[in-house]
N, C-alpha and C. Protein backbone atom coordinates (compact mmCIF):
# COMPACT_ATOMS: atom_id res chain seq x y z
N MET A 1 3.76 7.88 18.51
CA MET A 1 2.87 7.09 17.68
C MET A 1 3.64 6.06 16.86
N LEU A 2 4.77 6.41 16.34
CA LEU A 2 5.54 5.48 15.53
C LEU A 2 6.21 4.41 16.36
N SER A 3 6.21 4.56 17.65
CA SER A 3 6.86 3.57 18.50
C SER A 3 6.20 2.21 18.41
N GLY A 4 4.99 2.14 17.89
CA GLY A 4 4.30 0.86 17.73
C GLY A 4 5.06 -0.09 16.83
N CYS A 5 5.90 0.42 15.97
CA CYS A 5 6.67 -0.44 15.07
C CYS A 5 7.82 -1.11 15.79
N ALA A 6 8.29 -0.53 16.85
CA ALA A 6 9.53 -0.99 17.48
C ALA A 6 9.48 -2.45 17.90
N GLY A 7 8.35 -2.92 18.36
CA GLY A 7 8.25 -4.29 18.82
C GLY A 7 8.24 -5.32 17.71
N TYR A 8 8.14 -4.90 16.49
CA TYR A 8 8.05 -5.84 15.39
C TYR A 8 9.30 -5.88 14.54
N GLY A 9 10.29 -5.04 14.84
CA GLY A 9 11.49 -4.97 14.04
C GLY A 9 12.33 -6.23 14.06
N SER A 10 12.20 -7.04 15.09
CA SER A 10 13.03 -8.23 15.19
C SER A 10 12.45 -9.41 14.40
N HIS A 11 11.30 -9.26 13.83
CA HIS A 11 10.67 -10.35 13.08
C HIS A 11 11.18 -10.32 11.64
N ARG A 12 12.30 -10.97 11.41
CA ARG A 12 12.88 -11.02 10.07
C ARG A 12 13.25 -12.46 9.76
N PRO A 13 12.83 -12.96 8.61
CA PRO A 13 13.26 -14.31 8.24
C PRO A 13 14.78 -14.37 8.12
N MET A 14 15.32 -15.55 8.27
CA MET A 14 16.76 -15.76 8.18
C MET A 14 17.32 -15.16 6.90
N GLY A 15 18.39 -14.38 7.00
CA GLY A 15 19.03 -13.79 5.84
C GLY A 15 18.44 -12.46 5.41
N TYR A 16 17.43 -11.98 6.09
CA TYR A 16 16.78 -10.73 5.71
C TYR A 16 17.37 -9.58 6.53
N ASN A 17 18.66 -9.34 6.39
CA ASN A 17 19.32 -8.35 7.22
C ASN A 17 19.60 -7.04 6.51
N SER A 18 19.26 -6.92 5.23
CA SER A 18 19.70 -5.76 4.49
C SER A 18 18.66 -4.66 4.34
N VAL A 19 17.59 -4.70 5.08
CA VAL A 19 16.63 -3.60 5.10
C VAL A 19 16.50 -3.11 6.54
N ASP A 20 16.10 -1.87 6.70
CA ASP A 20 15.89 -1.29 8.03
C ASP A 20 14.72 -2.03 8.68
N PRO A 21 14.95 -2.69 9.81
CA PRO A 21 13.87 -3.47 10.44
C PRO A 21 12.67 -2.63 10.85
N ARG A 22 12.90 -1.38 11.21
CA ARG A 22 11.78 -0.51 11.59
C ARG A 22 10.92 -0.18 10.37
N GLU A 23 11.56 0.13 9.25
CA GLU A 23 10.82 0.41 8.02
C GLU A 23 10.07 -0.85 7.56
N GLN A 24 10.70 -2.00 7.69
CA GLN A 24 10.06 -3.26 7.32
C GLN A 24 8.82 -3.50 8.18
N ALA A 25 8.95 -3.22 9.47
CA ALA A 25 7.81 -3.42 10.36
C ALA A 25 6.66 -2.48 10.02
N CYS A 26 6.96 -1.22 9.75
CA CYS A 26 5.91 -0.26 9.38
C CYS A 26 5.24 -0.68 8.07
N MET A 27 6.03 -1.09 7.09
CA MET A 27 5.48 -1.52 5.81
C MET A 27 4.62 -2.77 6.00
N ALA A 28 5.11 -3.73 6.77
CA ALA A 28 4.36 -4.97 7.01
C ALA A 28 3.02 -4.65 7.68
N ARG A 29 3.02 -3.72 8.61
CA ARG A 29 1.79 -3.37 9.31
C ARG A 29 0.78 -2.74 8.34
N ALA A 30 1.24 -1.87 7.45
CA ALA A 30 0.34 -1.28 6.45
C ALA A 30 -0.25 -2.37 5.58
N MET A 31 0.59 -3.29 5.12
CA MET A 31 0.12 -4.39 4.27
C MET A 31 -0.87 -5.28 5.02
N PHE A 32 -0.57 -5.61 6.26
CA PHE A 32 -1.39 -6.50 7.07
C PHE A 32 -2.79 -5.92 7.29
N PHE A 33 -2.85 -4.64 7.62
CA PHE A 33 -4.14 -4.03 7.96
C PHE A 33 -4.90 -3.47 6.76
N GLU A 34 -4.22 -3.29 5.63
CA GLU A 34 -4.87 -2.66 4.48
C GLU A 34 -5.19 -3.62 3.34
N SER A 35 -4.75 -4.85 3.39
CA SER A 35 -4.97 -5.79 2.30
C SER A 35 -5.49 -7.10 2.86
N ARG A 36 -6.12 -7.89 1.99
CA ARG A 36 -6.48 -9.24 2.41
C ARG A 36 -5.20 -9.95 2.82
N ARG A 37 -5.25 -10.65 3.90
CA ARG A 37 -4.04 -11.24 4.48
C ARG A 37 -3.54 -12.48 3.76
N ASP A 38 -4.23 -12.90 2.72
CA ASP A 38 -3.77 -14.05 1.95
C ASP A 38 -3.39 -13.64 0.52
N SER A 39 -3.33 -12.36 0.26
CA SER A 39 -3.10 -11.87 -1.10
C SER A 39 -1.73 -11.19 -1.22
N VAL A 40 -0.78 -11.90 -1.83
CA VAL A 40 0.54 -11.31 -2.05
C VAL A 40 0.41 -10.09 -2.94
N ASP A 41 -0.38 -10.19 -4.04
CA ASP A 41 -0.54 -9.03 -4.93
C ASP A 41 -1.15 -7.85 -4.20
N GLY A 42 -2.13 -8.10 -3.34
CA GLY A 42 -2.73 -7.00 -2.58
C GLY A 42 -1.72 -6.33 -1.67
N MET A 43 -0.91 -7.14 -1.00
CA MET A 43 0.12 -6.57 -0.13
C MET A 43 1.16 -5.80 -0.94
N LEU A 44 1.56 -6.36 -2.08
CA LEU A 44 2.53 -5.65 -2.93
C LEU A 44 1.93 -4.35 -3.46
N GLY A 45 0.63 -4.35 -3.74
CA GLY A 45 -0.03 -3.13 -4.19
C GLY A 45 0.01 -2.05 -3.12
N VAL A 46 -0.32 -2.40 -1.89
CA VAL A 46 -0.25 -1.44 -0.79
C VAL A 46 1.18 -0.95 -0.62
N GLY A 47 2.14 -1.86 -0.67
CA GLY A 47 3.55 -1.47 -0.56
C GLY A 47 3.99 -0.56 -1.67
N THR A 48 3.50 -0.80 -2.88
CA THR A 48 3.84 0.06 -4.01
C THR A 48 3.33 1.47 -3.79
N VAL A 49 2.10 1.59 -3.29
CA VAL A 49 1.55 2.92 -3.00
C VAL A 49 2.39 3.61 -1.92
N VAL A 50 2.75 2.90 -0.87
CA VAL A 50 3.57 3.49 0.19
C VAL A 50 4.89 4.01 -0.40
N MET A 51 5.55 3.19 -1.22
CA MET A 51 6.84 3.60 -1.79
C MET A 51 6.68 4.74 -2.79
N ASN A 52 5.57 4.77 -3.53
CA ASN A 52 5.30 5.90 -4.42
C ASN A 52 5.17 7.19 -3.62
N ARG A 53 4.54 7.09 -2.45
CA ARG A 53 4.41 8.28 -1.60
C ARG A 53 5.76 8.69 -1.02
N VAL A 54 6.56 7.73 -0.60
CA VAL A 54 7.89 8.05 -0.08
C VAL A 54 8.71 8.79 -1.14
N ALA A 55 8.56 8.41 -2.39
CA ALA A 55 9.32 9.03 -3.48
C ALA A 55 8.76 10.39 -3.90
N SER A 56 7.57 10.72 -3.46
CA SER A 56 6.92 11.97 -3.85
C SER A 56 7.30 13.12 -2.92
N PRO A 57 7.50 14.31 -3.46
CA PRO A 57 7.77 15.46 -2.58
C PRO A 57 6.53 15.90 -1.79
N ASN A 58 5.37 15.35 -2.10
CA ASN A 58 4.13 15.72 -1.42
C ASN A 58 3.86 14.91 -0.15
N TYR A 59 4.72 13.95 0.14
CA TYR A 59 4.53 13.07 1.30
C TYR A 59 5.84 12.99 2.08
N PRO A 60 5.77 12.44 3.30
CA PRO A 60 7.00 12.28 4.09
C PRO A 60 8.03 11.38 3.39
N ASP A 61 9.25 11.40 3.90
CA ASP A 61 10.38 10.72 3.25
C ASP A 61 10.66 9.31 3.72
N THR A 62 9.94 8.80 4.71
CA THR A 62 10.20 7.45 5.19
C THR A 62 8.91 6.64 5.21
N VAL A 63 9.07 5.33 5.17
CA VAL A 63 7.92 4.43 5.20
C VAL A 63 7.11 4.66 6.47
N CYS A 64 7.77 4.71 7.61
CA CYS A 64 7.04 4.85 8.88
C CYS A 64 6.28 6.18 8.95
N GLU A 65 6.88 7.24 8.41
CA GLU A 65 6.18 8.54 8.41
C GLU A 65 4.98 8.52 7.47
N VAL A 66 5.11 7.89 6.31
CA VAL A 66 3.98 7.78 5.38
C VAL A 66 2.86 6.96 6.00
N VAL A 67 3.20 5.79 6.54
CA VAL A 67 2.19 4.91 7.12
C VAL A 67 1.55 5.56 8.35
N GLY A 68 2.31 6.37 9.07
CA GLY A 68 1.80 7.00 10.28
C GLY A 68 1.03 8.29 10.04
N GLN A 69 0.91 8.74 8.79
CA GLN A 69 0.16 9.97 8.53
C GLN A 69 -1.30 9.82 8.96
N LYS A 70 -1.81 10.83 9.60
CA LYS A 70 -3.18 10.81 10.11
C LYS A 70 -4.19 10.63 8.98
N ASN A 71 -5.14 9.74 9.20
CA ASN A 71 -6.27 9.49 8.30
C ASN A 71 -5.87 8.98 6.91
N GLN A 72 -4.71 8.38 6.78
CA GLN A 72 -4.29 7.86 5.49
C GLN A 72 -4.37 6.33 5.43
N PHE A 73 -4.15 5.68 6.55
CA PHE A 73 -4.19 4.22 6.60
C PHE A 73 -5.12 3.79 7.73
N ALA A 74 -5.32 2.51 7.89
CA ALA A 74 -6.27 1.98 8.86
C ALA A 74 -5.99 2.53 10.26
N PRO A 75 -7.04 2.84 11.01
CA PRO A 75 -6.84 3.32 12.37
C PRO A 75 -6.02 2.31 13.19
N GLY A 76 -5.03 2.79 13.90
CA GLY A 76 -4.20 1.93 14.74
C GLY A 76 -3.19 1.11 13.96
N VAL A 77 -2.94 1.46 12.70
CA VAL A 77 -2.05 0.66 11.86
C VAL A 77 -0.68 0.43 12.50
N LEU A 78 -0.19 1.38 13.26
CA LEU A 78 1.14 1.24 13.87
C LEU A 78 1.10 0.75 15.32
N THR A 79 -0.10 0.54 15.85
CA THR A 79 -0.19 0.20 17.27
C THR A 79 -1.00 -1.06 17.57
N ARG A 80 -1.94 -1.42 16.74
CA ARG A 80 -2.79 -2.59 17.01
C ARG A 80 -1.98 -3.87 16.89
N PRO A 81 -2.38 -4.90 17.64
CA PRO A 81 -1.70 -6.19 17.50
C PRO A 81 -1.99 -6.80 16.13
N MET A 82 -1.00 -7.46 15.58
CA MET A 82 -1.15 -8.15 14.29
C MET A 82 -1.59 -9.58 14.57
N ASP A 83 -2.87 -9.75 14.89
CA ASP A 83 -3.42 -11.05 15.25
C ASP A 83 -3.89 -11.80 14.01
N GLY A 84 -3.90 -13.11 14.09
CA GLY A 84 -4.40 -13.93 13.01
C GLY A 84 -3.34 -14.20 11.96
N GLY A 85 -3.75 -14.92 10.94
CA GLY A 85 -2.83 -15.27 9.86
C GLY A 85 -2.43 -14.07 9.03
N GLY A 86 -1.37 -14.24 8.29
CA GLY A 86 -0.93 -13.21 7.36
C GLY A 86 0.24 -12.39 7.83
N ARG A 87 0.61 -12.49 9.10
CA ARG A 87 1.70 -11.68 9.64
C ARG A 87 3.03 -12.01 8.96
N ASP A 88 3.37 -13.29 8.86
CA ASP A 88 4.63 -13.68 8.22
C ASP A 88 4.65 -13.28 6.75
N LEU A 89 3.53 -13.47 6.07
CA LEU A 89 3.43 -13.07 4.66
C LEU A 89 3.64 -11.57 4.52
N ALA A 90 3.07 -10.79 5.42
CA ALA A 90 3.22 -9.33 5.37
C ALA A 90 4.69 -8.94 5.54
N PHE A 91 5.39 -9.58 6.46
CA PHE A 91 6.82 -9.25 6.65
C PHE A 91 7.66 -9.65 5.44
N ARG A 92 7.34 -10.79 4.83
CA ARG A 92 8.07 -11.20 3.61
C ARG A 92 7.79 -10.24 2.46
N ALA A 93 6.52 -9.87 2.29
CA ALA A 93 6.15 -8.93 1.23
C ALA A 93 6.78 -7.56 1.47
N ALA A 94 6.82 -7.12 2.73
CA ALA A 94 7.45 -5.84 3.06
C ALA A 94 8.93 -5.85 2.69
N TYR A 95 9.59 -6.94 3.00
CA TYR A 95 11.00 -7.06 2.65
C TYR A 95 11.16 -6.94 1.13
N SER A 96 10.33 -7.64 0.38
CA SER A 96 10.43 -7.61 -1.08
C SER A 96 10.23 -6.20 -1.63
N VAL A 97 9.25 -5.48 -1.11
CA VAL A 97 9.00 -4.11 -1.58
C VAL A 97 10.17 -3.20 -1.22
N LEU A 98 10.69 -3.34 -0.02
CA LEU A 98 11.83 -2.50 0.37
C LEU A 98 13.08 -2.80 -0.44
N LYS A 99 13.14 -4.01 -1.00
CA LYS A 99 14.26 -4.38 -1.88
C LYS A 99 13.98 -4.02 -3.35
N GLY A 100 12.81 -3.44 -3.63
CA GLY A 100 12.55 -2.93 -4.97
C GLY A 100 11.40 -3.57 -5.73
N GLN A 101 10.80 -4.63 -5.22
CA GLN A 101 9.68 -5.25 -5.94
C GLN A 101 8.46 -4.34 -5.87
N ARG A 102 7.71 -4.29 -6.97
CA ARG A 102 6.48 -3.50 -7.04
C ARG A 102 5.42 -4.32 -7.76
N LEU A 103 4.17 -3.97 -7.52
CA LEU A 103 3.07 -4.53 -8.30
C LEU A 103 2.93 -3.63 -9.53
N ARG A 104 3.39 -4.13 -10.67
CA ARG A 104 3.49 -3.35 -11.90
C ARG A 104 2.18 -2.64 -12.24
N GLU A 105 1.05 -3.32 -12.08
CA GLU A 105 -0.24 -2.75 -12.46
C GLU A 105 -0.59 -1.49 -11.68
N VAL A 106 -0.04 -1.34 -10.50
CA VAL A 106 -0.35 -0.17 -9.67
C VAL A 106 0.35 1.07 -10.21
N GLY A 107 1.44 0.89 -10.93
CA GLY A 107 2.13 2.02 -11.55
C GLY A 107 2.54 3.08 -10.55
N ARG A 108 2.22 4.32 -10.84
CA ARG A 108 2.59 5.45 -9.98
C ARG A 108 1.49 5.84 -9.01
N SER A 109 0.50 5.01 -8.89
CA SER A 109 -0.64 5.31 -8.02
C SER A 109 -0.20 5.63 -6.60
N MET A 110 -0.86 6.59 -6.01
CA MET A 110 -0.62 6.94 -4.61
C MET A 110 -1.87 6.77 -3.76
N PHE A 111 -2.89 6.12 -4.35
CA PHE A 111 -4.18 6.02 -3.67
C PHE A 111 -4.81 4.65 -3.88
N PHE A 112 -5.59 4.23 -2.88
CA PHE A 112 -6.41 3.03 -3.01
C PHE A 112 -7.55 3.13 -2.00
N HIS A 113 -8.56 2.35 -2.25
CA HIS A 113 -9.67 2.22 -1.30
C HIS A 113 -10.23 0.82 -1.45
N THR A 114 -11.14 0.45 -0.57
CA THR A 114 -11.74 -0.87 -0.63
C THR A 114 -12.44 -1.06 -1.97
N ALA A 115 -12.11 -2.13 -2.66
CA ALA A 115 -12.72 -2.42 -3.96
C ALA A 115 -14.23 -2.55 -3.82
N GLY A 116 -14.93 -2.05 -4.81
CA GLY A 116 -16.38 -2.13 -4.81
C GLY A 116 -17.06 -0.89 -4.28
N TYR A 117 -16.37 -0.09 -3.51
CA TYR A 117 -16.94 1.16 -3.03
C TYR A 117 -16.91 2.16 -4.18
N SER A 118 -17.92 3.00 -4.24
CA SER A 118 -17.99 4.03 -5.28
C SER A 118 -17.96 5.40 -4.63
N PHE A 119 -17.32 6.30 -5.32
CA PHE A 119 -17.23 7.68 -4.85
C PHE A 119 -17.66 8.60 -5.98
N GLY A 120 -18.21 9.73 -5.64
CA GLY A 120 -18.76 10.66 -6.64
C GLY A 120 -17.74 11.57 -7.28
N TYR A 121 -16.48 11.21 -7.24
CA TYR A 121 -15.45 12.06 -7.83
C TYR A 121 -15.27 11.71 -9.29
N ASP A 122 -14.91 12.69 -10.09
CA ASP A 122 -14.71 12.44 -11.52
C ASP A 122 -13.23 12.46 -11.91
N ASN A 123 -12.35 12.24 -10.92
CA ASN A 123 -10.91 12.31 -11.20
C ASN A 123 -10.17 11.00 -10.87
N MET A 124 -10.90 9.91 -10.70
CA MET A 124 -10.29 8.65 -10.28
C MET A 124 -10.11 7.72 -11.49
N HIS A 125 -8.87 7.44 -11.84
CA HIS A 125 -8.53 6.54 -12.94
C HIS A 125 -7.99 5.25 -12.33
N TYR A 126 -8.76 4.18 -12.42
CA TYR A 126 -8.41 2.92 -11.76
C TYR A 126 -7.38 2.15 -12.57
N LEU A 127 -6.37 1.63 -11.86
CA LEU A 127 -5.27 0.92 -12.49
C LEU A 127 -5.30 -0.57 -12.20
N ALA A 128 -5.71 -0.95 -11.00
CA ALA A 128 -5.66 -2.36 -10.61
C ALA A 128 -6.61 -2.62 -9.45
N ILE A 129 -7.04 -3.87 -9.36
CA ILE A 129 -7.81 -4.37 -8.23
C ILE A 129 -7.01 -5.56 -7.69
N ALA A 130 -6.64 -5.50 -6.41
CA ALA A 130 -5.85 -6.59 -5.81
C ALA A 130 -6.02 -6.59 -4.30
N GLY A 131 -6.11 -7.76 -3.72
CA GLY A 131 -6.17 -7.88 -2.26
C GLY A 131 -7.32 -7.15 -1.63
N GLY A 132 -8.44 -7.02 -2.36
CA GLY A 132 -9.60 -6.32 -1.81
C GLY A 132 -9.55 -4.82 -1.96
N ASN A 133 -8.55 -4.31 -2.68
CA ASN A 133 -8.41 -2.86 -2.86
C ASN A 133 -8.46 -2.48 -4.33
N ALA A 134 -8.92 -1.25 -4.58
CA ALA A 134 -8.91 -0.65 -5.90
C ALA A 134 -7.85 0.45 -5.88
N PHE A 135 -6.85 0.32 -6.74
CA PHE A 135 -5.74 1.27 -6.80
C PHE A 135 -6.01 2.26 -7.93
N TYR A 136 -5.80 3.54 -7.66
CA TYR A 136 -6.15 4.55 -8.67
C TYR A 136 -5.21 5.74 -8.63
N GLU A 137 -5.23 6.48 -9.73
CA GLU A 137 -4.54 7.76 -9.83
C GLU A 137 -5.59 8.85 -9.84
N LYS A 138 -5.26 9.99 -9.27
CA LYS A 138 -6.11 11.16 -9.40
C LYS A 138 -5.64 11.90 -10.65
N VAL A 139 -6.57 12.20 -11.53
CA VAL A 139 -6.24 12.84 -12.80
C VAL A 139 -7.03 14.14 -12.90
N SER A 140 -6.33 15.23 -13.10
CA SER A 140 -7.01 16.53 -13.21
C SER A 140 -7.72 16.63 -14.56
N ARG A 141 -8.66 17.55 -14.66
CA ARG A 141 -9.37 17.77 -15.93
C ARG A 141 -8.39 18.14 -17.04
N GLN A 142 -7.37 18.94 -16.70
CA GLN A 142 -6.38 19.34 -17.69
C GLN A 142 -5.58 18.13 -18.19
N GLU A 143 -5.18 17.26 -17.28
CA GLU A 143 -4.43 16.05 -17.66
C GLU A 143 -5.29 15.09 -18.48
N ARG A 144 -6.54 15.01 -18.12
CA ARG A 144 -7.46 14.05 -18.75
C ARG A 144 -7.85 14.48 -20.16
N GLY A 145 -8.10 15.75 -20.35
CA GLY A 145 -8.58 16.21 -21.65
C GLY A 145 -9.91 15.55 -21.97
N ASP A 146 -10.01 14.97 -23.17
CA ASP A 146 -11.24 14.32 -23.60
C ASP A 146 -11.26 12.83 -23.29
N LYS A 147 -10.19 12.31 -22.72
CA LYS A 147 -10.12 10.87 -22.44
C LYS A 147 -11.04 10.48 -21.29
N ARG A 148 -11.64 9.32 -21.41
CA ARG A 148 -12.49 8.79 -20.35
C ARG A 148 -11.62 8.02 -19.36
N LEU A 149 -11.89 8.16 -18.07
CA LEU A 149 -11.13 7.47 -17.04
C LEU A 149 -11.62 6.03 -16.89
N ARG A 150 -10.70 5.12 -16.56
CA ARG A 150 -11.02 3.70 -16.37
C ARG A 150 -11.79 3.51 -15.06
N THR A 151 -12.84 2.72 -15.12
CA THR A 151 -13.64 2.41 -13.94
C THR A 151 -13.03 1.22 -13.19
N GLN A 152 -13.54 0.94 -12.00
CA GLN A 152 -13.10 -0.23 -11.25
C GLN A 152 -13.39 -1.51 -12.03
N ALA A 153 -14.57 -1.60 -12.61
CA ALA A 153 -14.93 -2.80 -13.36
C ALA A 153 -13.98 -3.03 -14.53
N GLU A 154 -13.60 -1.97 -15.20
CA GLU A 154 -12.66 -2.10 -16.32
C GLU A 154 -11.29 -2.50 -15.83
N ALA A 155 -10.86 -1.97 -14.70
CA ALA A 155 -9.55 -2.34 -14.14
C ALA A 155 -9.56 -3.82 -13.74
N LEU A 156 -10.67 -4.29 -13.21
CA LEU A 156 -10.77 -5.68 -12.81
C LEU A 156 -10.68 -6.60 -14.03
N ARG A 157 -11.27 -6.21 -15.14
CA ARG A 157 -11.22 -7.03 -16.36
C ARG A 157 -9.80 -7.10 -16.93
N LEU A 158 -8.95 -6.14 -16.62
CA LEU A 158 -7.56 -6.14 -17.12
C LEU A 158 -6.70 -7.16 -16.39
N GLN A 159 -7.15 -7.64 -15.25
CA GLN A 159 -6.36 -8.57 -14.43
C GLN A 159 -6.20 -9.91 -15.10
C-alpha cells in the first residue's frame, strides 16, 4: 500500500535534498488530498496534524505509516494520481513541514474534518479553520472540567 509514494519521491525542487523523499511524497499526498489545493495554511495544518501523530506514542512513527493508516485520511491517498493544480504547492509545503514549519493555530491537534460539518460529540475543542478543514483536539470531561469547548464558528472568528 505504501508503494504508491515511490513514484513521487523524485519530485523535489532544486536544493530540496535534505528530507527523505519518500516521507515528503507521503506528506505531500496527504496535503494534496485533504486540503484545498490553493491553501498553504490548509496544507500546513494537515502537515502539522500528521507530524503531531508521528510524535505521539499512539500513532505510527513515520509520515508514510501515519498517512497510510486505514480510515484516517482520504481513500486512495497513497495511490491515486495527483491530478490538477496544487501538486507543486503540496510538495513545497511538505518540505517545509518536514523541516519544522507548523501552522501555529493547530497546536497539538491530531484531528481535523471538513469545516462546516457538525458532529454530536461533546469532546471537540476547535483550534483553527484552514484550507477547508476544522482542526480540533479531543478533550475528556476530566480535562475540560467546567470550561466550555470552542466551536467551529468561534475558531473561525479567531483567524
